[in-house]
Amino acid sequence: MFKKVLLALSLTAFMSWAQDDFDDDDEGFVSAPAASSEQEDDDDGFVSASDGGGSHAAMASSEDEEEDFSDAGMSASQRREMAERKKFEEEQRLDEYANSERRRDWLRNRLIFQIGMGSRYPIMGETGMGMGIGAGLEYILPFHFALFGSYGFLPKGTDNDFDEWELEGGTGWKAGINYYLFPKNPLHLGLSVSYGTVYFDHDIKPEDNVRALIKVNGFQFDALITYLTNEWYYLQFSIGMYYAPKLAKTPNTGDESTDNPSFRKKEIEGMWNGEWGSKVVNKDGMSKTGIVFGIAIGYALPELFPDDTEKRRREREKAREREGR
């Protein structure tokens, strides 16, 4: 009996010692999830470089595996076709950017050759429908200002009222500066100031059956409606008003001379009576102001000083043309 009691006590003591030792071992070791949680709490959400590098490496490895898996069943020609398609899509994207962001400002560094009729090429006058026919040159500066000049002629014709009389022809010129609005729209409104031959008429009295041409210089102010894109074609309508300073100087009775070319001295039996008379149909002489208009078409060269984006766009466009796309 005593042996059984002693054996029970010994077994109880051993079990108590084994339990304490197991608890001590548990306190010295932490499971992996717990360690990760404590590390996240201590680092306040930051991951060490080694852990981040491992994560990125795993992602890159996963992407490579996906790419290898996607190309696994493709032949060499299919891979080449896919590469060409990706290249074409990238070029299209770059072209769209060039056209929408950079190239849409069409009003800079453009040289335009023009031909037209009316007030800017270079003269109008008389009945309001008499038009000059001429050619012009315009260069648009980077800030939407443009310098222009034109030179033209008035054709010789026949008087509408007297078939035996002819109307003298002549030439004219004009130079000025334009300013364009709405550079990112194909239709550009503009303003123009110029100086040159602004108005003409013909002497009412013929000499040798020819009515002499009378023309004056002055200032002209126009409103412009212009069609211009990155393409070559150019179209412009203009309407405005001229002002001729010489025509504003109406001579007074007794004046010895006048700068107004539309007046002459009245003579009676070869003697001047001190009065002035109109040389044109209008008894008050030619008008110092008037409404004028004109139309022109032209050929616009590409931008003469393109930026890098436009240069790349042109190179890609030429490459596609060579490839026959």
Foldseek 3Di string as FASTA:
>chain_A
DVVVVVVVVVVVVVVVVVVVVVVVVVVVDDDPVVVVVVVCVVVVNDDDPVVVVVVVVVVVVVVVVVVCVVCVPPDPVVVVVVVVVVVVVVLVVLLVCCCPPPQLQQQAQKKKKKWKKWPPLPEEEDPQPQIWTWIKIKTGHHQQKIKMKIKTKGDKAADPVDRQAIEDMGMKMKIWMKGWPDSNDQKIKIKIKMKIWYYKAWFPDDDPRYTYIDIAIWMWIWIKIWGDHQAWKIKMKIKTKTAGVQCVWQDDFQDPDGSNPQKDFDDDPNHGPRDIAGRGPPGSGGDRMDMMMMIMMITMDGRPDDDPSVVVSVVVVVVCVVVPD
